Amino acid sequence: MPRRSRPKSQRQYVVQNDATMIAAGLAGAKAAAMPGFIAPCLATSNTKVPRGAQWIHEIKFDGYRLQLHKRDIDIRFYTRRGHDWTKRFPALQAAAWYLPAERLILDGEVIVPTEDGHSDFAALESDLGSGRCDRFVFFAFDILYIGSRLLRGCTLEERKHVLAELLSGASGAIRYSEDIEGGGEPLFRRACKLELEGLVSKRKDSTYRSGRSADWTKRTCRQRDTFVAAGIAFKRGRFNGVYLGRREDGELRYAGKVERGFDPGLEQQLRARADKLKRRTQPLTRKIRKPKATWLEPKLLVEVEYRALTRDGKLRHPTFKGIREDLSHA
């Protein structure tokens, strides 16, 4: 793939700021060649928001996790599983050219903001599906590499200091994700009252470790999870929802049917993906009786919001939110 040359005005703009110097002075920073994709640190779900001065809290975004890699003029965006999605974000790629460091790796989330500043997952899915790219905003909440220093061994507090300096004053397509110290449950209740997704809480003294960690926890205002699309339901020849499966103890168990949340665009996109995954038998480990269902290979993952679970593990009042393009294999 040919490398894109940066416009002359951008070459003149990109100069190192104090972030690179701050990183070089940190005890945990390690001189190293710039790595490739780094498996992300993942938050553990929690029923309470942790308390204490050792924790900071960030707003939980309703978007896609992305890792931004800048190596001079080569800008890349990777999904949570390491897929290269650079071509989907040309506007973010252009914005990244202006970041005041020649080499860096940022961890963050891409969203489509609403008029009141919230994140809209359905709008994000719609824009990705249509090829629209002018509304994306990347909120960076961590920095893993800058200049010639790997920062994974630094504390979160140190990394956030470097990141805040790097993105000081940024308000365009790439922005700093602010954090709040203290607050705990009152902060969570306020976030829910403002109809936000919830909170992600992180230990200030934690290093960056790939995989799920108790150093990062999350609590959502509404229950929401990713499920397997096991089949499509039809009623009198018309689309009537999706049969869901959840993986548990090595099995794919039936989790209920979602019928709400489908606009014409989402339905069309879902049916197009499902057409490539049709199979004669149901993929569920414990078979259910749905004679008119169109069953699918268990490769398509969907996001569903719900109120609670029944005793047998089915979702109550589920609402379809979108296809997880970053996680699906189809």
C-alpha atoms as a PDB file:
ATOM      1  CA  MET A   1       0.000   0.000   0.000  1.00  0.00           C
ATOM      2  CA  PRO A   2       1.562   3.353  -1.019  1.00  0.00           C
ATOM      3  CA  ARG A   3       2.338   5.752   1.815  1.00  0.00           C
ATOM      4  CA  ARG A   4       0.402   8.999   1.735  1.00  0.00           C
ATOM      5  CA  SER A   5       2.504  12.141   1.817  1.00  0.00           C
ATOM      6  CA  ARG A   6       1.541  14.722   4.394  1.00  0.00           C
ATOM      7  CA  PRO A   7       0.670  18.201   3.059  1.00  0.00           C
ATOM      8  CA  LYS A   8       3.439  20.753   3.551  1.00  0.00           C
ATOM      9  CA  SER A   9       1.384  22.731   6.065  1.00  0.00           C
ATOM     10  CA  GLN A  10       1.023  19.616   8.197  1.00  0.00           C
ATOM     11  CA  ARG A  11       4.738  18.814   8.047  1.00  0.00           C
ATOM     12  CA  GLN A  12       5.412  22.306   9.376  1.00  0.00           C
ATOM     13  CA  TYR A  13       2.812  21.957  12.132  1.00  0.00           C
ATOM     14  CA  VAL A  14       3.875  18.640  13.659  1.00  0.00           C
ATOM     15  CA  VAL A  15       6.486  19.365  16.302  1.00  0.00           C
ATOM     16  CA  GLN A  16       7.073  17.585  19.579  1.00  0.00           C
ATOM     17  CA  ASN A  17       5.544  19.204  22.646  1.00  0.00           C
ATOM     18  CA  ASP A  18       6.333  18.629  26.325  1.00  0.00           C
ATOM     19  CA  ALA A  19       4.516  15.263  26.373  1.00  0.00           C
ATOM     20  CA  THR A  20       7.511  13.487  24.833  1.00  0.00           C
ATOM     21  CA  MET A  21       9.908  15.081  27.335  1.00  0.00           C
ATOM     22  CA  ILE A  22       7.640  14.220  30.286  1.00  0.00           C
ATOM     23  CA  ALA A  23       7.444  10.588  29.148  1.00  0.00           C
ATOM     24  CA  ALA A  24      11.232  10.348  28.789  1.00  0.00           C
ATOM     25  CA  GLY A  25      11.642  11.317  32.458  1.00  0.00           C
ATOM     26  CA  LEU A  26       9.307   8.661  33.890  1.00  0.00           C
ATOM     27  CA  ALA A  27      10.920   5.773  35.786  1.00  0.00           C
ATOM     28  CA  GLY A  28       8.541   3.222  34.270  1.00  0.00           C
ATOM     29  CA  ALA A  29       9.092   4.386  30.688  1.00  0.00           C
ATOM     30  CA  LYS A  30      11.170   1.931  28.691  1.00  0.00           C
ATOM     31  CA  ALA A  31      13.257   2.811  25.642  1.00  0.00           C
ATOM     32  CA  ALA A  32      11.944   0.519  22.900  1.00  0.00           C
ATOM     33  CA  ALA A  33      11.167   0.274  19.220  1.00  0.00           C
ATOM     34  CA  MET A  34       7.558   1.083  18.449  1.00  0.00           C
ATOM     35  CA  PRO A  35       5.497  -2.124  18.794  1.00  0.00           C
ATOM     36  CA  GLY A  36       2.611  -3.316  16.676  1.00  0.00           C
ATOM     37  CA  PHE A  37      -0.918  -3.801  17.974  1.00  0.00           C
ATOM     38  CA  ILE A  38      -1.100  -4.170  21.771  1.00  0.00           C
ATOM     39  CA  ALA A  39      -3.911  -6.315  23.190  1.00  0.00           C
ATOM     40  CA  PRO A  40      -6.021  -3.856  25.220  1.00  0.00           C
ATOM     41  CA  CYS A  41      -6.651  -3.687  28.945  1.00  0.00           C
ATOM     42  CA  LEU A  42     -10.316  -4.553  29.575  1.00  0.00           C
ATOM     43  CA  ALA A  43     -12.565  -3.491  32.444  1.00  0.00           C
ATOM     44  CA  THR A  44     -14.293  -5.994  34.737  1.00  0.00           C
ATOM     45  CA  SER A  45     -18.025  -5.503  35.326  1.00  0.00           C
ATOM     46  CA  ASN A  46     -18.915  -4.458  38.856  1.00  0.00           C
ATOM     47  CA  THR A  47     -22.150  -3.853  40.751  1.00  0.00           C
ATOM     48  CA  LYS A  48     -20.605  -0.988  42.730  1.00  0.00           C
ATOM     49  CA  VAL A  49     -18.386   1.968  41.899  1.00  0.00           C
ATOM     50  CA  PRO A  50     -15.102   1.666  43.853  1.00  0.00           C
ATOM     51  CA  ARG A  51     -14.385   4.329  46.455  1.00  0.00           C
ATOM     52  CA  GLY A  52     -11.156   5.907  47.609  1.00  0.00           C
ATOM     53  CA  ALA A  53      -8.457   8.328  46.570  1.00  0.00           C
ATOM     54  CA  GLN A  54      -6.639   5.620  44.569  1.00  0.00           C
ATOM     55  CA  TRP A  55      -9.409   5.539  41.932  1.00  0.00           C
ATOM     56  CA  ILE A  56     -10.330   7.825  39.053  1.00  0.00           C
ATOM     57  CA  HIS A  57     -13.566   7.635  37.069  1.00  0.00           C
ATOM     58  CA  GLU A  58     -14.281   8.219  33.383  1.00  0.00           C
ATOM     59  CA  ILE A  59     -17.565   8.434  31.483  1.00  0.00           C
ATOM     60  CA  LYS A  60     -18.308   5.152  29.700  1.00  0.00           C
ATOM     61  CA  PHE A  61     -18.706   5.819  25.979  1.00  0.00           C
ATOM     62  CA  ASP A  62     -21.174   4.024  23.721  1.00  0.00           C
ATOM     63  CA  GLY A  63     -18.873   3.359  20.780  1.00  0.00           C
ATOM     64  CA  TYR A  64     -16.042   1.191  19.452  1.00  0.00           C
ATOM     65  CA  ARG A  65     -12.706   0.695  21.174  1.00  0.00           C
ATOM     66  CA  LEU A  66      -9.854   1.766  18.888  1.00  0.00           C
ATOM     67  CA  GLN A  67      -6.072   1.864  19.145  1.00  0.00           C
ATOM     68  CA  LEU A  68      -4.410   4.694  17.232  1.00  0.00           C
ATOM     69  CA  HIS A  69      -0.884   4.107  15.891  1.00  0.00           C
ATOM     70  CA  LYS A  70       1.111   6.996  14.451  1.00  0.00           C
ATOM     71  CA  ARG A  71       4.469   6.236  12.882  1.00  0.00           C
ATOM     72  CA  ASP A  72       5.498   9.497  11.181  1.00  0.00           C
ATOM     73  CA  ILE A  73       2.990   9.813   8.289  1.00  0.00           C
ATOM     74  CA  ASP A  74       1.650   6.259   8.621  1.00  0.00           C
ATOM     75  CA  ILE A  75      -1.571   6.432  10.683  1.00  0.00           C
ATOM     76  CA  ARG A  76      -3.442   3.250  11.640  1.00  0.00           C
ATOM     77  CA  PHE A  77      -6.571   2.455  13.647  1.00  0.00           C
ATOM     78  CA  TYR A  78      -7.054  -1.035  15.108  1.00  0.00           C
ATOM     79  CA  THR A  79     -10.169  -2.567  16.686  1.00  0.00           C
ATOM     80  CA  ARG A  80     -10.224  -4.325  20.054  1.00  0.00           C
ATOM     81  CA  ARG A  81      -9.224  -7.571  18.339  1.00  0.00           C
ATOM     82  CA  GLY A  82      -6.490  -6.020  16.232  1.00  0.00           C
ATOM     83  CA  HIS A  83      -8.318  -5.629  12.915  1.00  0.00           C
ATOM     84  CA  ASP A  84      -7.074  -2.726  10.783  1.00  0.00           C
ATOM     85  CA  TRP A  85      -9.996  -0.323  10.302  1.00  0.00           C
ATOM     86  CA  THR A  86      -7.967   2.648   9.056  1.00  0.00           C
ATOM     87  CA  LYS A  87      -9.906   2.946   5.781  1.00  0.00           C
ATOM     88  CA  ARG A  88     -13.131   3.533   7.710  1.00  0.00           C
ATOM     89  CA  PHE A  89     -11.805   6.656   9.442  1.00  0.00           C
ATOM     90  CA  PRO A  90     -10.149   8.961   6.874  1.00  0.00           C
ATOM     91  CA  ALA A  91     -11.170  12.097   8.805  1.00  0.00           C
ATOM     92  CA  LEU A  92      -9.629  10.765  12.025  1.00  0.00           C
ATOM     93  CA  GLN A  93      -6.544   9.725  10.091  1.00  0.00           C
ATOM     94  CA  ALA A  94      -6.138  13.285   8.817  1.00  0.00           C
ATOM     95  CA  ALA A  95      -6.649  14.697  12.322  1.00  0.00           C
ATOM     96  CA  ALA A  96      -3.984  12.376  13.731  1.00  0.00           C
ATOM     97  CA  TRP A  97      -1.352  13.922  11.453  1.00  0.00           C
ATOM     98  CA  TYR A  98      -1.525  17.068  13.620  1.00  0.00           C
ATOM     99  CA  LEU A  99      -0.777  15.280  16.904  1.00  0.00           C
ATOM    100  CA  PRO A 100       2.482  16.797  18.238  1.00  0.00           C
ATOM    101  CA  ALA A 101       4.570  13.618  18.278  1.00  0.00           C
ATOM    102  CA  GLU A 102       6.090  11.663  15.428  1.00  0.00           C
ATOM    103  CA  ARG A 103       5.441   8.244  16.969  1.00  0.00           C
ATOM    104  CA  LEU A 104       2.759   7.251  19.458  1.00  0.00           C
ATOM    105  CA  ILE A 105       0.085   4.734  20.391  1.00  0.00           C
ATOM    106  CA  LEU A 106      -3.189   5.920  21.925  1.00  0.00           C
ATOM    107  CA  ASP A 107      -5.997   3.853  23.431  1.00  0.00           C
ATOM    108  CA  GLY A 108      -9.514   5.228  23.193  1.00  0.00           C
ATOM    109  CA  GLU A 109     -13.045   5.030  21.859  1.00  0.00           C
ATOM    110  CA  VAL A 110     -14.623   6.332  18.662  1.00  0.00           C
ATOM    111  CA  ILE A 111     -18.161   7.677  18.958  1.00  0.00           C
ATOM    112  CA  VAL A 112     -20.736   9.726  17.111  1.00  0.00           C
ATOM    113  CA  PRO A 113     -21.791  12.467  19.563  1.00  0.00           C
ATOM    114  CA  THR A 114     -25.393  13.651  19.863  1.00  0.00           C
ATOM    115  CA  GLU A 115     -26.357  17.326  20.118  1.00  0.00           C
ATOM    116  CA  ASP A 116     -26.229  17.119  23.930  1.00  0.00           C
ATOM    117  CA  GLY A 117     -22.778  15.516  23.887  1.00  0.00           C
ATOM    118  CA  HIS A 118     -23.813  11.897  24.506  1.00  0.00           C
ATOM    119  CA  SER A 119     -22.590   8.989  22.397  1.00  0.00           C
ATOM    120  CA  ASP A 120     -25.010   7.338  19.959  1.00  0.00           C
ATOM    121  CA  PHE A 121     -24.162   3.724  19.077  1.00  0.00           C
ATOM    122  CA  ALA A 122     -26.939   3.436  16.476  1.00  0.00           C
ATOM    123  CA  ALA A 123     -25.641   6.564  14.688  1.00  0.00           C
ATOM    124  CA  LEU A 124     -22.109   5.135  14.800  1.00  0.00           C
ATOM    125  CA  GLU A 125     -23.305   1.878  13.220  1.00  0.00           C
ATOM    126  CA  SER A 126     -25.273   3.800  10.589  1.00  0.00           C
ATOM    127  CA  ASP A 127     -22.290   5.963   9.622  1.00  0.00           C
ATOM    128  CA  LEU A 128     -19.965   2.955   9.411  1.00  0.00           C
ATOM    129  CA  GLY A 129     -22.487   1.134   7.236  1.00  0.00           C
ATOM    130  CA  SER A 130     -23.044   4.062   4.864  1.00  0.00           C
ATOM    131  CA  GLY A 131     -19.400   5.138   4.624  1.00  0.00           C
ATOM    132  CA  ARG A 132     -20.025   8.515   6.252  1.00  0.00           C
ATOM    133  CA  CYS A 133     -16.984   9.679   8.243  1.00  0.00           C
ATOM    134  CA  ASP A 134     -17.426  13.357   9.155  1.00  0.00           C
ATOM    135  CA  ARG A 135     -19.093  12.846  12.564  1.00  0.00           C
ATOM    136  CA  PHE A 136     -16.594  10.514  14.229  1.00  0.00           C
ATOM    137  CA  VAL A 137     -14.797  11.693  17.379  1.00  0.00           C
ATOM    138  CA  PHE A 138     -11.966   9.703  18.959  1.00  0.00           C
ATOM    139  CA  PHE A 139     -11.703  10.141  22.739  1.00  0.00           C
ATOM    140  CA  ALA A 140      -8.252   9.049  23.938  1.00  0.00           C
ATOM    141  CA  PHE A 141      -8.119   7.796  27.530  1.00  0.00           C
ATOM    142  CA  ASP A 142      -4.646   6.220  27.595  1.00  0.00           C
ATOM    143  CA  ILE A 143      -1.228   6.459  25.937  1.00  0.00           C
ATOM    144  CA  LEU A 144       1.006   3.414  25.553  1.00  0.00           C
ATOM    145  CA  TYR A 145       3.924   4.742  23.517  1.00  0.00           C
ATOM    146  CA  ILE A 146       5.396   8.115  22.559  1.00  0.00           C
ATOM    147  CA  GLY A 147       8.643   9.146  20.901  1.00  0.00           C
ATOM    148  CA  SER A 148      10.871   6.172  21.665  1.00  0.00           C
ATOM    149  CA  ARG A 149       9.369   5.226  25.044  1.00  0.00           C
ATOM    150  CA  LEU A 150       6.986   2.382  25.908  1.00  0.00           C
ATOM    151  CA  LEU A 151       4.751   3.565  28.768  1.00  0.00           C
ATOM    152  CA  ARG A 152       2.990   0.342  29.782  1.00  0.00           C
ATOM    153  CA  GLY A 153       5.150   0.109  32.916  1.00  0.00           C
ATOM    154  CA  CYS A 154       4.200   3.622  34.054  1.00  0.00           C
ATOM    155  CA  THR A 155       1.271   4.209  36.398  1.00  0.00           C
ATOM    156  CA  LEU A 156      -2.058   5.287  34.970  1.00  0.00           C
ATOM    157  CA  GLU A 157      -1.664   8.635  36.713  1.00  0.00           C
ATOM    158  CA  GLU A 158       1.651   9.186  34.919  1.00  0.00           C
ATOM    159  CA  ARG A 159       0.274   8.077  31.561  1.00  0.00           C
ATOM    160  CA  LYS A 160      -2.743  10.376  31.913  1.00  0.00           C
ATOM    161  CA  HIS A 161      -0.399  13.275  32.662  1.00  0.00           C
ATOM    162  CA  VAL A 162       1.502  12.627  29.423  1.00  0.00           C
ATOM    163  CA  LEU A 163      -1.740  12.218  27.456  1.00  0.00           C
ATOM    164  CA  ALA A 164      -3.284  15.399  28.874  1.00  0.00           C
ATOM    165  CA  GLU A 165      -0.181  17.347  27.846  1.00  0.00           C
ATOM    166  CA  LEU A 166      -0.210  15.811  24.367  1.00  0.00           C
ATOM    167  CA  LEU A 167      -3.876  16.705  23.771  1.00  0.00           C
ATOM    168  CA  SER A 168      -3.931  19.975  25.698  1.00  0.00           C
ATOM    169  CA  GLY A 169      -6.597  22.225  24.190  1.00  0.00           C
ATOM    170  CA  ALA A 170      -7.673  19.647  21.582  1.00  0.00           C
ATOM    171  CA  SER A 171     -11.367  19.950  20.678  1.00  0.00           C
ATOM    172  CA  GLY A 172     -11.558  18.536  17.171  1.00  0.00           C
ATOM    173  CA  ALA A 173     -11.903  14.949  15.984  1.00  0.00           C
ATOM    174  CA  ILE A 174      -9.318  13.654  18.486  1.00  0.00           C
ATOM    175  CA  ARG A 175      -9.856  14.668  22.124  1.00  0.00           C
ATOM    176  CA  TYR A 176      -8.757  13.891  25.667  1.00  0.00           C
ATOM    177  CA  SER A 177     -11.129  11.816  27.803  1.00  0.00           C
ATOM    178  CA  GLU A 178     -11.440  13.684  31.106  1.00  0.00           C
ATOM    179  CA  ASP A 179     -11.421  11.843  34.428  1.00  0.00           C
ATOM    180  CA  ILE A 180     -12.840  12.616  37.866  1.00  0.00           C
ATOM    181  CA  GLU A 181     -11.333  11.744  41.245  1.00  0.00           C
ATOM    182  CA  GLY A 182     -13.637  10.543  44.014  1.00  0.00           C
ATOM    183  CA  GLY A 183     -17.409  10.579  43.655  1.00  0.00           C
ATOM    184  CA  GLY A 184     -18.224   6.858  43.739  1.00  0.00           C
ATOM    185  CA  GLU A 185     -21.940   6.015  43.848  1.00  0.00           C
ATOM    186  CA  PRO A 186     -23.184   9.652  43.815  1.00  0.00           C
ATOM    187  CA  LEU A 187     -21.206  10.211  40.619  1.00  0.00           C
ATOM    188  CA  PHE A 188     -22.709   7.058  39.108  1.00  0.00           C
ATOM    189  CA  ARG A 189     -26.268   8.143  39.978  1.00  0.00           C
ATOM    190  CA  ARG A 190     -25.624  11.516  38.395  1.00  0.00           C
ATOM    191  CA  ALA A 191     -24.304   9.864  35.227  1.00  0.00           C
ATOM    192  CA  CYS A 192     -27.444   7.734  34.998  1.00  0.00           C
ATOM    193  CA  LYS A 193     -29.666  10.763  35.592  1.00  0.00           C
ATOM    194  CA  LEU A 194     -27.940  12.439  32.641  1.00  0.00           C
ATOM    195  CA  GLU A 195     -28.716   9.289  30.594  1.00  0.00           C
ATOM    196  CA  LEU A 196     -25.063   8.396  30.115  1.00  0.00           C
ATOM    197  CA  GLU A 197     -23.895   4.800  29.654  1.00  0.00           C
ATOM    198  CA  GLY A 198     -22.185   4.545  33.026  1.00  0.00           C
ATOM    199  CA  LEU A 199     -18.695   4.818  34.519  1.00  0.00           C
ATOM    200  CA  VAL A 200     -15.316   3.163  34.057  1.00  0.00           C
ATOM    201  CA  SER A 201     -13.174   3.271  37.211  1.00  0.00           C
ATOM    202  CA  LYS A 202      -9.399   2.785  37.183  1.00  0.00           C
ATOM    203  CA  ARG A 203      -6.677   2.530  39.806  1.00  0.00           C
ATOM    204  CA  LYS A 204      -4.297   5.470  39.519  1.00  0.00           C
ATOM    205  CA  ASP A 205      -1.280   3.325  40.416  1.00  0.00           C
ATOM    206  CA  SER A 206      -1.994   0.562  37.880  1.00  0.00           C
ATOM    207  CA  THR A 207       0.285  -0.293  34.969  1.00  0.00           C
ATOM    208  CA  TYR A 208      -1.155  -1.205  31.560  1.00  0.00           C
ATOM    209  CA  ARG A 209      -1.809  -4.950  31.417  1.00  0.00           C
ATOM    210  CA  SER A 210      -3.461  -6.642  28.434  1.00  0.00           C
ATOM    211  CA  GLY A 211      -6.643  -8.599  29.152  1.00  0.00           C
ATOM    212  CA  ARG A 212      -9.382  -8.184  31.730  1.00  0.00           C
ATOM    213  CA  SER A 213      -8.208  -6.668  34.976  1.00  0.00           C
ATOM    214  CA  ALA A 214      -9.635  -5.754  38.386  1.00  0.00           C
ATOM    215  CA  ASP A 215      -7.591  -2.531  38.122  1.00  0.00           C
ATOM    216  CA  TRP A 216     -10.227  -1.326  35.644  1.00  0.00           C
ATOM    217  CA  THR A 217     -13.917  -1.813  36.485  1.00  0.00           C
ATOM    218  CA  LYS A 218     -17.116  -0.687  34.792  1.00  0.00           C
ATOM    219  CA  ARG A 219     -20.684  -0.159  35.891  1.00  0.00           C
ATOM    220  CA  THR A 220     -23.444   0.569  33.381  1.00  0.00           C
ATOM    221  CA  CYS A 221     -26.681   2.434  33.985  1.00  0.00           C
ATOM    222  CA  ARG A 222     -28.583  -0.042  31.811  1.00  0.00           C
ATOM    223  CA  GLN A 223     -27.779  -3.712  31.337  1.00  0.00           C
ATOM    224  CA  ARG A 224     -26.227  -4.335  27.986  1.00  0.00           C
ATOM    225  CA  ASP A 225     -24.196  -7.116  26.440  1.00  0.00           C
ATOM    226  CA  THR A 226     -23.032  -8.797  23.253  1.00  0.00           C
ATOM    227  CA  PHE A 227     -24.903 -11.904  22.037  1.00  0.00           C
ATOM    228  CA  VAL A 228     -24.663 -14.354  19.157  1.00  0.00           C
ATOM    229  CA  ALA A 229     -27.302 -13.950  16.432  1.00  0.00           C
ATOM    230  CA  ALA A 230     -28.444 -17.580  16.314  1.00  0.00           C
ATOM    231  CA  GLY A 231     -31.272 -17.047  13.855  1.00  0.00           C
ATOM    232  CA  ILE A 232     -33.728 -14.643  12.261  1.00  0.00           C
ATOM    233  CA  ALA A 233     -37.449 -14.718  12.990  1.00  0.00           C
ATOM    234  CA  PHE A 234     -40.150 -14.165  10.367  1.00  0.00           C
ATOM    235  CA  LYS A 235     -43.886 -13.667  10.785  1.00  0.00           C
ATOM    236  CA  ARG A 236     -46.152 -13.893   7.747  1.00  0.00           C
ATOM    237  CA  GLY A 237     -43.095 -13.463   5.569  1.00  0.00           C
ATOM    238  CA  ARG A 238     -41.914 -10.295   7.314  1.00  0.00           C
ATOM    239  CA  PHE A 239     -38.850  -9.763   9.470  1.00  0.00           C
ATOM    240  CA  ASN A 240     -39.797 -10.261  13.114  1.00  0.00           C
ATOM    241  CA  GLY A 241     -36.588 -10.102  15.138  1.00  0.00           C
ATOM    242  CA  VAL A 242     -33.486 -12.087  16.058  1.00  0.00           C
ATOM    243  CA  TYR A 243     -33.047 -15.236  18.162  1.00  0.00           C
ATOM    244  CA  LEU A 244     -30.137 -14.747  20.552  1.00  0.00           C
ATOM    245  CA  GLY A 245     -27.552 -17.061  22.029  1.00  0.00           C
ATOM    246  CA  ARG A 246     -25.056 -16.555  24.832  1.00  0.00           C
ATOM    247  CA  ARG A 247     -21.892 -18.578  25.364  1.00  0.00           C
ATOM    248  CA  GLU A 248     -21.713 -20.224  28.771  1.00  0.00           C
ATOM    249  CA  ASP A 249     -19.637 -23.198  30.007  1.00  0.00           C
ATOM    250  CA  GLY A 250     -18.660 -24.127  26.470  1.00  0.00           C
ATOM    251  CA  GLU A 251     -22.287 -24.127  25.258  1.00  0.00           C
ATOM    252  CA  LEU A 252     -24.349 -21.737  23.147  1.00  0.00           C
ATOM    253  CA  ARG A 253     -27.528 -21.288  25.170  1.00  0.00           C
ATOM    254  CA  TYR A 254     -30.764 -19.642  24.070  1.00  0.00           C
ATOM    255  CA  ALA A 255     -31.091 -16.114  25.481  1.00  0.00           C
ATOM    256  CA  GLY A 256     -34.436 -15.096  24.016  1.00  0.00           C
ATOM    257  CA  LYS A 257     -35.671 -13.075  21.067  1.00  0.00           C
ATOM    258  CA  VAL A 258     -35.217  -9.359  20.411  1.00  0.00           C
ATOM    259  CA  GLU A 259     -37.953  -7.651  18.389  1.00  0.00           C
ATOM    260  CA  ARG A 260     -37.458  -3.943  19.162  1.00  0.00           C
ATOM    261  CA  GLY A 261     -34.894  -1.429  18.007  1.00  0.00           C
ATOM    262  CA  PHE A 262     -34.788  -2.237  14.296  1.00  0.00           C
ATOM    263  CA  ASP A 263     -35.062   0.662  11.859  1.00  0.00           C
ATOM    264  CA  PRO A 264     -35.203  -0.099   8.095  1.00  0.00           C
ATOM    265  CA  GLY A 265     -31.469   0.524   7.686  1.00  0.00           C
ATOM    266  CA  LEU A 266     -30.479  -1.804  10.538  1.00  0.00           C
ATOM    267  CA  GLU A 267     -32.873  -4.489   9.331  1.00  0.00           C
ATOM    268  CA  GLN A 268     -31.472  -4.347   5.801  1.00  0.00           C
ATOM    269  CA  GLN A 269     -27.891  -4.512   7.064  1.00  0.00           C
ATOM    270  CA  LEU A 270     -28.683  -7.426   9.367  1.00  0.00           C
ATOM    271  CA  ARG A 271     -30.475  -9.414   6.668  1.00  0.00           C
ATOM    272  CA  ALA A 272     -27.604  -8.873   4.219  1.00  0.00           C
ATOM    273  CA  ARG A 273     -25.115 -10.240   6.742  1.00  0.00           C
ATOM    274  CA  ALA A 274     -27.411 -13.105   7.719  1.00  0.00           C
ATOM    275  CA  ASP A 275     -27.894 -14.217   4.091  1.00  0.00           C
ATOM    276  CA  LYS A 276     -24.230 -15.283   4.043  1.00  0.00           C
ATOM    277  CA  LEU A 277     -24.538 -17.320   7.256  1.00  0.00           C
ATOM    278  CA  LYS A 278     -27.651 -19.451   6.695  1.00  0.00           C
ATOM    279  CA  ARG A 279     -27.575 -23.063   7.866  1.00  0.00           C
ATOM    280  CA  ARG A 280     -30.130 -25.885   8.043  1.00  0.00           C
ATOM    281  CA  THR A 281     -29.784 -26.720  11.742  1.00  0.00           C
ATOM    282  CA  GLN A 282     -29.860 -24.416  14.736  1.00  0.00           C
ATOM    283  CA  PRO A 283     -26.489 -23.655  16.358  1.00  0.00           C
ATOM    284  CA  LEU A 284     -27.854 -23.744  19.911  1.00  0.00           C
ATOM    285  CA  THR A 285     -26.525 -26.519  22.155  1.00  0.00           C
ATOM    286  CA  ARG A 286     -29.949 -27.168  23.664  1.00  0.00           C
ATOM    287  CA  LYS A 287     -32.447 -27.154  20.813  1.00  0.00           C
ATOM    288  CA  ILE A 288     -35.590 -25.006  20.913  1.00  0.00           C
ATOM    289  CA  ARG A 289     -38.760 -25.308  18.859  1.00  0.00           C
ATOM    290  CA  LYS A 290     -38.885 -22.509  16.288  1.00  0.00           C
ATOM    291  CA  PRO A 291     -40.023 -24.192  13.041  1.00  0.00           C
ATOM    292  CA  LYS A 292     -40.155 -20.995  10.956  1.00  0.00           C
ATOM    293  CA  ALA A 293     -36.746 -19.651  11.994  1.00  0.00           C
ATOM    294  CA  THR A 294     -33.858 -19.104   9.604  1.00  0.00           C
ATOM    295  CA  TRP A 295     -30.831 -20.395  11.520  1.00  0.00           C
ATOM    296  CA  LEU A 296     -27.364 -18.861  11.231  1.00  0.00           C
ATOM    297  CA  GLU A 297     -23.756 -19.869  11.735  1.00  0.00           C
ATOM    298  CA  PRO A 298     -22.799 -18.492  15.189  1.00  0.00           C
ATOM    299  CA  LYS A 299     -20.380 -15.882  13.839  1.00  0.00           C
ATOM    300  CA  LEU A 300     -22.467 -12.708  13.896  1.00  0.00           C
ATOM    301  CA  LEU A 301     -22.387 -10.763  17.180  1.00  0.00           C
ATOM    302  CA  VAL A 302     -24.998  -8.169  18.114  1.00  0.00           C
ATOM    303  CA  GLU A 303     -25.371  -5.609  20.882  1.00  0.00           C
ATOM    304  CA  VAL A 304     -28.564  -5.800  22.951  1.00  0.00           C
ATOM    305  CA  GLU A 305     -29.851  -3.701  25.838  1.00  0.00           C
ATOM    306  CA  TYR A 306     -32.232  -5.242  28.383  1.00  0.00           C
ATOM    307  CA  ARG A 307     -33.778  -4.700  31.809  1.00  0.00           C
ATOM    308  CA  ALA A 308     -33.072  -8.023  33.515  1.00  0.00           C
ATOM    309  CA  LEU A 309     -32.721 -11.796  33.096  1.00  0.00           C
ATOM    310  CA  THR A 310     -35.417 -14.370  33.771  1.00  0.00           C
ATOM    311  CA  ARG A 311     -34.627 -17.396  35.961  1.00  0.00           C
ATOM    312  CA  ASP A 312     -33.852 -19.483  32.881  1.00  0.00           C
ATOM    313  CA  GLY A 313     -31.450 -16.869  31.469  1.00  0.00           C
ATOM    314  CA  LYS A 314     -33.673 -15.140  28.901  1.00  0.00           C
ATOM    315  CA  LEU A 315     -33.620 -11.369  28.404  1.00  0.00           C
ATOM    316  CA  ARG A 316     -36.491  -9.210  29.641  1.00  0.00           C
ATOM    317  CA  HIS A 317     -37.550  -6.288  27.422  1.00  0.00           C
ATOM    318  CA  PRO A 318     -34.558  -6.492  25.051  1.00  0.00           C
ATOM    319  CA  THR A 319     -33.803  -3.761  22.515  1.00  0.00           C
ATOM    320  CA  PHE A 320     -31.494  -4.251  19.530  1.00  0.00           C
ATOM    321  CA  LYS A 321     -28.653  -1.688  19.427  1.00  0.00           C
ATOM    322  CA  GLY A 322     -26.538  -2.829  16.484  1.00  0.00           C
ATOM    323  CA  ILE A 323     -24.120  -5.331  14.959  1.00  0.00           C
ATOM    324  CA  ARG A 324     -20.720  -5.563  16.647  1.00  0.00           C
ATOM    325  CA  GLU A 325     -18.654  -5.104  13.496  1.00  0.00           C
ATOM    326  CA  ASP A 326     -15.454  -4.952  15.547  1.00  0.00           C
ATOM    327  CA  LEU A 327     -16.065  -8.362  17.124  1.00  0.00           C
ATOM    328  CA  SER A 328     -18.019 -10.343  14.512  1.00  0.00           C
ATOM    329  CA  HIS A 329     -16.206 -12.824  12.300  1.00  0.00           C
ATOM    330  CA  ALA A 330     -18.780 -12.805   9.503  1.00  0.00           C
END
